[in-house]
Amino acid sequence: MTTPTRSRTRFFAGFLLVALLIAGGLSYFASPDPDGLDSVTLSGCTLDDAGEPVGGTCIAQNAEEHRLSGSPLADYAIGGSEGSVGAAGIVGVVVTLVVAGGLFWVLRTRSPK
């Protein structure tokens, strides 16, 4: 018979494993095409071979580089390198779980002693 603590630990370990598999494995199958917002901002523009607006009238012509675009996990890749989206997904899952776990630990209800 399993104890409630062991059962809870198994559940969280399974949850972590599934989250890591999804973030690390399925992210390679994500579409490289622009999402809906990117498509709308580019409508009305003439694009160059790299997909950057060079003419016409569209919202994307006024876009500027984000101040965090040089951060380690920008563009869903580690250091901007191609093929690292799975690793970036895994890092994202781990960071999210650590932050959420820390918040739950700090904000938990403590019983009076």
N, C-alpha and C. Protein backbone atom coordinates (compact mmCIF):
# COMPACT_ATOMS: atom_id res chain seq x y z
N MET A 1 0.85 -1.18 0.00
CA MET A 1 0.00 0.00 0.00
C MET A 1 0.89 1.24 0.00
N THR A 2 0.55 2.20 -0.84
CA THR A 2 1.35 3.42 -0.91
C THR A 2 0.82 4.45 0.06
N THR A 3 1.72 5.22 0.61
CA THR A 3 1.33 6.27 1.54
C THR A 3 0.93 7.50 0.74
N PRO A 4 0.16 8.41 1.34
CA PRO A 4 -0.23 9.63 0.62
C PRO A 4 0.97 10.45 0.15
N THR A 5 2.04 10.47 0.93
CA THR A 5 3.23 11.23 0.54
C THR A 5 3.89 10.61 -0.68
N ARG A 6 3.99 9.29 -0.69
CA ARG A 6 4.60 8.59 -1.82
C ARG A 6 3.74 8.76 -3.07
N SER A 7 2.44 8.66 -2.91
CA SER A 7 1.52 8.84 -4.04
C SER A 7 1.63 10.25 -4.61
N ARG A 8 1.71 11.24 -3.73
CA ARG A 8 1.84 12.62 -4.16
C ARG A 8 3.18 12.84 -4.88
N THR A 9 4.23 12.25 -4.37
CA THR A 9 5.55 12.37 -5.00
C THR A 9 5.54 11.74 -6.38
N ARG A 10 4.93 10.58 -6.51
CA ARG A 10 4.83 9.93 -7.83
C ARG A 10 4.03 10.78 -8.81
N PHE A 11 2.95 11.38 -8.32
CA PHE A 11 2.14 12.24 -9.19
C PHE A 11 2.97 13.41 -9.70
N PHE A 12 3.67 14.10 -8.81
CA PHE A 12 4.46 15.26 -9.22
C PHE A 12 5.64 14.86 -10.11
N ALA A 13 6.24 13.71 -9.85
CA ALA A 13 7.32 13.23 -10.72
C ALA A 13 6.79 12.92 -12.12
N GLY A 14 5.62 12.30 -12.18
CA GLY A 14 4.99 12.03 -13.48
C GLY A 14 4.61 13.31 -14.20
N PHE A 15 4.08 14.26 -13.45
CA PHE A 15 3.72 15.56 -14.02
C PHE A 15 4.95 16.24 -14.61
N LEU A 16 6.05 16.23 -13.86
CA LEU A 16 7.29 16.86 -14.32
C LEU A 16 7.81 16.15 -15.57
N LEU A 17 7.77 14.83 -15.59
CA LEU A 17 8.24 14.08 -16.74
C LEU A 17 7.42 14.41 -17.99
N VAL A 18 6.10 14.44 -17.86
CA VAL A 18 5.24 14.76 -19.00
C VAL A 18 5.49 16.20 -19.48
N ALA A 19 5.61 17.14 -18.56
CA ALA A 19 5.87 18.53 -18.93
C ALA A 19 7.19 18.67 -19.66
N LEU A 20 8.22 17.98 -19.18
CA LEU A 20 9.52 18.03 -19.84
C LEU A 20 9.49 17.38 -21.22
N LEU A 21 8.77 16.26 -21.34
CA LEU A 21 8.65 15.62 -22.65
C LEU A 21 7.92 16.50 -23.65
N ILE A 22 6.87 17.15 -23.20
CA ILE A 22 6.12 18.04 -24.10
C ILE A 22 6.97 19.23 -24.51
N ALA A 23 7.61 19.87 -23.52
CA ALA A 23 8.41 21.06 -23.82
C ALA A 23 9.65 20.72 -24.62
N GLY A 24 10.28 19.61 -24.30
CA GLY A 24 11.53 19.26 -24.97
C GLY A 24 11.33 18.54 -26.29
N GLY A 25 10.25 17.80 -26.43
CA GLY A 25 10.05 17.02 -27.64
C GLY A 25 9.10 17.64 -28.65
N LEU A 26 7.94 18.05 -28.19
CA LEU A 26 6.94 18.58 -29.13
C LEU A 26 7.30 19.95 -29.68
N SER A 27 8.18 20.68 -29.01
CA SER A 27 8.53 22.02 -29.49
C SER A 27 9.25 21.96 -30.84
N TYR A 28 9.87 20.82 -31.16
CA TYR A 28 10.53 20.69 -32.47
C TYR A 28 9.51 20.61 -33.61
N PHE A 29 8.27 20.28 -33.28
CA PHE A 29 7.23 20.19 -34.30
C PHE A 29 6.42 21.48 -34.43
N ALA A 30 6.75 22.50 -33.66
CA ALA A 30 6.03 23.78 -33.72
C ALA A 30 6.26 24.44 -35.08
N SER A 31 5.29 25.16 -35.53
CA SER A 31 5.38 25.82 -36.83
C SER A 31 6.36 26.98 -36.81
N PRO A 32 7.26 27.05 -37.79
CA PRO A 32 8.18 28.18 -37.88
C PRO A 32 7.53 29.39 -38.55
N ASP A 33 6.33 29.20 -39.08
CA ASP A 33 5.64 30.30 -39.76
C ASP A 33 5.15 31.32 -38.75
N PRO A 34 4.99 32.57 -39.20
CA PRO A 34 4.52 33.61 -38.27
C PRO A 34 3.13 33.28 -37.73
N ASP A 35 2.89 33.69 -36.50
CA ASP A 35 1.57 33.47 -35.93
C ASP A 35 0.60 34.51 -36.46
N GLY A 36 -0.62 34.49 -35.98
CA GLY A 36 -1.65 35.39 -36.47
C GLY A 36 -1.31 36.86 -36.29
N LEU A 37 -0.74 37.21 -35.14
CA LEU A 37 -0.39 38.61 -34.89
C LEU A 37 0.68 39.08 -35.87
N ASP A 38 1.71 38.25 -36.08
CA ASP A 38 2.75 38.61 -37.05
C ASP A 38 2.16 38.77 -38.45
N SER A 39 1.27 37.87 -38.83
CA SER A 39 0.66 37.94 -40.16
C SER A 39 -0.13 39.22 -40.34
N VAL A 40 -0.88 39.62 -39.32
CA VAL A 40 -1.68 40.84 -39.41
C VAL A 40 -0.78 42.07 -39.50
N THR A 41 0.28 42.11 -38.71
CA THR A 41 1.16 43.29 -38.74
C THR A 41 1.93 43.39 -40.05
N LEU A 42 2.10 42.27 -40.76
CA LEU A 42 2.81 42.30 -42.04
C LEU A 42 1.90 42.50 -43.24
N SER A 43 0.57 42.45 -43.04
CA SER A 43 -0.33 42.61 -44.18
C SER A 43 -0.24 44.04 -44.72
N GLY A 44 -0.07 44.14 -46.03
CA GLY A 44 0.09 45.43 -46.69
C GLY A 44 1.54 45.80 -46.95
N CYS A 45 2.46 44.97 -46.53
CA CYS A 45 3.89 45.23 -46.72
C CYS A 45 4.45 44.41 -47.87
N THR A 46 5.51 44.94 -48.44
CA THR A 46 6.33 44.17 -49.37
C THR A 46 7.48 43.63 -48.54
N LEU A 47 7.73 42.32 -48.64
CA LEU A 47 8.73 41.68 -47.81
C LEU A 47 9.95 41.29 -48.64
N ASP A 48 11.12 41.32 -47.99
CA ASP A 48 12.33 40.84 -48.65
C ASP A 48 12.44 39.32 -48.48
N ASP A 49 13.52 38.73 -48.92
CA ASP A 49 13.68 37.28 -48.84
C ASP A 49 13.70 36.75 -47.41
N ALA A 50 14.12 37.59 -46.47
CA ALA A 50 14.17 37.18 -45.06
C ALA A 50 12.83 37.37 -44.36
N GLY A 51 11.83 37.92 -45.07
CA GLY A 51 10.52 38.14 -44.47
C GLY A 51 10.40 39.46 -43.74
N GLU A 52 11.36 40.35 -43.93
CA GLU A 52 11.33 41.67 -43.29
C GLU A 52 10.65 42.67 -44.21
N PRO A 53 9.84 43.59 -43.64
CA PRO A 53 9.16 44.59 -44.48
C PRO A 53 10.15 45.58 -45.09
N VAL A 54 10.02 45.80 -46.40
CA VAL A 54 10.88 46.76 -47.10
C VAL A 54 10.07 47.83 -47.82
N GLY A 55 8.78 47.66 -47.93
CA GLY A 55 7.96 48.66 -48.61
C GLY A 55 6.50 48.45 -48.27
N GLY A 56 5.66 49.28 -48.85
CA GLY A 56 4.24 49.20 -48.58
C GLY A 56 3.88 49.92 -47.30
N THR A 57 2.67 49.69 -46.84
CA THR A 57 2.24 50.30 -45.59
C THR A 57 1.69 49.22 -44.67
N CYS A 58 2.35 49.04 -43.55
CA CYS A 58 1.89 48.06 -42.57
C CYS A 58 2.42 48.47 -41.20
N ILE A 59 1.86 47.84 -40.19
CA ILE A 59 2.24 48.14 -38.81
C ILE A 59 3.68 47.73 -38.54
N ALA A 60 4.13 46.66 -39.17
CA ALA A 60 5.46 46.11 -38.89
C ALA A 60 6.59 47.06 -39.27
N GLN A 61 6.32 48.03 -40.13
CA GLN A 61 7.39 48.98 -40.51
C GLN A 61 7.80 49.85 -39.33
N ASN A 62 6.93 50.01 -38.36
CA ASN A 62 7.24 50.83 -37.19
C ASN A 62 7.81 50.01 -36.04
N ALA A 63 7.97 48.71 -36.25
CA ALA A 63 8.45 47.84 -35.17
C ALA A 63 9.92 48.10 -34.88
N GLU A 64 10.26 48.00 -33.61
CA GLU A 64 11.65 48.14 -33.19
C GLU A 64 12.06 46.87 -32.47
N GLU A 65 13.34 46.66 -32.35
CA GLU A 65 13.86 45.50 -31.63
C GLU A 65 13.53 45.64 -30.14
N HIS A 66 13.06 44.56 -29.53
CA HIS A 66 12.73 44.58 -28.11
C HIS A 66 14.02 44.68 -27.30
N ARG A 67 13.97 45.35 -26.17
CA ARG A 67 15.18 45.56 -25.38
C ARG A 67 15.73 44.27 -24.79
N LEU A 68 14.93 43.22 -24.72
CA LEU A 68 15.41 41.93 -24.23
C LEU A 68 15.67 40.93 -25.35
N SER A 69 15.75 41.42 -26.59
CA SER A 69 15.94 40.51 -27.72
C SER A 69 17.28 39.80 -27.69
N GLY A 70 18.23 40.29 -26.93
CA GLY A 70 19.52 39.63 -26.82
C GLY A 70 19.62 38.72 -25.61
N SER A 71 18.50 38.50 -24.92
CA SER A 71 18.53 37.66 -23.71
C SER A 71 18.77 36.19 -24.09
N PRO A 72 19.19 35.39 -23.14
CA PRO A 72 19.55 34.00 -23.45
C PRO A 72 18.43 33.15 -24.06
N LEU A 73 17.17 33.42 -23.74
CA LEU A 73 16.08 32.60 -24.26
C LEU A 73 15.20 33.34 -25.26
N ALA A 74 15.74 34.37 -25.91
CA ALA A 74 14.95 35.11 -26.90
C ALA A 74 14.64 34.22 -28.10
N ASP A 75 13.50 34.44 -28.71
CA ASP A 75 13.05 33.68 -29.89
C ASP A 75 12.92 32.19 -29.62
N TYR A 76 12.61 31.83 -28.39
CA TYR A 76 12.38 30.43 -28.00
C TYR A 76 13.57 29.53 -28.34
N ALA A 77 14.77 30.06 -28.23
CA ALA A 77 15.98 29.28 -28.49
C ALA A 77 17.05 29.74 -27.50
N ILE A 78 17.99 28.87 -27.22
CA ILE A 78 19.06 29.22 -26.30
C ILE A 78 20.14 29.95 -27.09
N GLY A 79 20.37 31.20 -26.73
CA GLY A 79 21.38 32.01 -27.41
C GLY A 79 21.06 32.29 -28.87
N GLY A 80 19.82 32.09 -29.28
CA GLY A 80 19.44 32.35 -30.65
C GLY A 80 19.86 31.28 -31.63
N SER A 81 20.43 30.18 -31.15
CA SER A 81 20.91 29.14 -32.06
C SER A 81 19.76 28.25 -32.51
N GLU A 82 19.80 27.90 -33.79
CA GLU A 82 18.77 27.02 -34.35
C GLU A 82 18.88 25.65 -33.70
N GLY A 83 17.79 24.98 -33.55
CA GLY A 83 17.80 23.62 -33.03
C GLY A 83 17.85 23.51 -31.51
N SER A 84 17.73 24.63 -30.81
CA SER A 84 17.78 24.55 -29.35
C SER A 84 16.43 24.87 -28.72
N VAL A 85 15.36 24.77 -29.51
CA VAL A 85 14.03 25.09 -28.97
C VAL A 85 13.61 24.09 -27.91
N GLY A 86 14.01 22.83 -28.05
CA GLY A 86 13.67 21.82 -27.05
C GLY A 86 14.33 22.12 -25.72
N ALA A 87 15.60 22.48 -25.78
CA ALA A 87 16.33 22.82 -24.55
C ALA A 87 15.74 24.07 -23.91
N ALA A 88 15.37 25.04 -24.74
CA ALA A 88 14.76 26.26 -24.22
C ALA A 88 13.42 25.94 -23.57
N GLY A 89 12.66 25.01 -24.14
CA GLY A 89 11.40 24.59 -23.54
C GLY A 89 11.60 23.92 -22.20
N ILE A 90 12.62 23.10 -22.11
CA ILE A 90 12.93 22.42 -20.84
C ILE A 90 13.34 23.44 -19.79
N VAL A 91 14.19 24.39 -20.17
CA VAL A 91 14.60 25.45 -19.23
C VAL A 91 13.37 26.23 -18.77
N GLY A 92 12.47 26.53 -19.69
CA GLY A 92 11.25 27.26 -19.34
C GLY A 92 10.38 26.50 -18.36
N VAL A 93 10.23 25.19 -18.55
CA VAL A 93 9.44 24.37 -17.63
C VAL A 93 10.08 24.37 -16.25
N VAL A 94 11.39 24.15 -16.19
CA VAL A 94 12.07 24.08 -14.90
C VAL A 94 11.98 25.42 -14.17
N VAL A 95 12.22 26.52 -14.88
CA VAL A 95 12.15 27.85 -14.24
C VAL A 95 10.73 28.12 -13.75
N THR A 96 9.73 27.80 -14.56
CA THR A 96 8.34 28.02 -14.16
C THR A 96 8.00 27.20 -12.92
N LEU A 97 8.41 25.95 -12.88
CA LEU A 97 8.11 25.11 -11.72
C LEU A 97 8.84 25.59 -10.47
N VAL A 98 10.07 26.06 -10.62
CA VAL A 98 10.81 26.57 -9.46
C VAL A 98 10.15 27.84 -8.93
N VAL A 99 9.78 28.75 -9.82
CA VAL A 99 9.14 30.00 -9.38
C VAL A 99 7.79 29.69 -8.75
N ALA A 100 6.98 28.85 -9.40
CA ALA A 100 5.66 28.52 -8.84
C ALA A 100 5.80 27.79 -7.52
N GLY A 101 6.73 26.84 -7.45
CA GLY A 101 6.95 26.12 -6.20
C GLY A 101 7.40 27.04 -5.08
N GLY A 102 8.28 27.99 -5.42
CA GLY A 102 8.73 28.96 -4.43
C GLY A 102 7.60 29.84 -3.94
N LEU A 103 6.74 30.27 -4.86
CA LEU A 103 5.59 31.09 -4.46
C LEU A 103 4.63 30.30 -3.59
N PHE A 104 4.35 29.05 -3.97
CA PHE A 104 3.47 28.22 -3.15
C PHE A 104 4.07 28.01 -1.76
N TRP A 105 5.37 27.80 -1.69
CA TRP A 105 6.02 27.58 -0.40
C TRP A 105 5.95 28.83 0.48
N VAL A 106 6.18 30.00 -0.13
CA VAL A 106 6.16 31.26 0.64
C VAL A 106 4.73 31.61 1.07
N LEU A 107 3.78 31.38 0.19
CA LEU A 107 2.40 31.80 0.46
C LEU A 107 1.54 30.73 1.11
N ARG A 108 2.10 29.59 1.43
CA ARG A 108 1.31 28.50 2.00
C ARG A 108 0.72 28.92 3.35
N THR A 109 -0.38 28.29 3.69
CA THR A 109 -1.00 28.53 4.98
C THR A 109 -0.31 27.68 6.02
N ARG A 110 0.15 28.31 7.03
CA ARG A 110 0.86 27.59 8.09
C ARG A 110 -0.07 27.39 9.28
N SER A 111 -0.02 26.19 9.81
CA SER A 111 -0.85 25.92 10.98
C SER A 111 -0.17 26.47 12.23
N PRO A 112 -0.96 27.00 13.15
CA PRO A 112 -0.34 27.55 14.39
C PRO A 112 0.28 26.44 15.21
N LYS A 113 1.40 26.74 15.84
CA LYS A 113 2.10 25.73 16.64
C LYS A 113 1.71 25.80 18.09
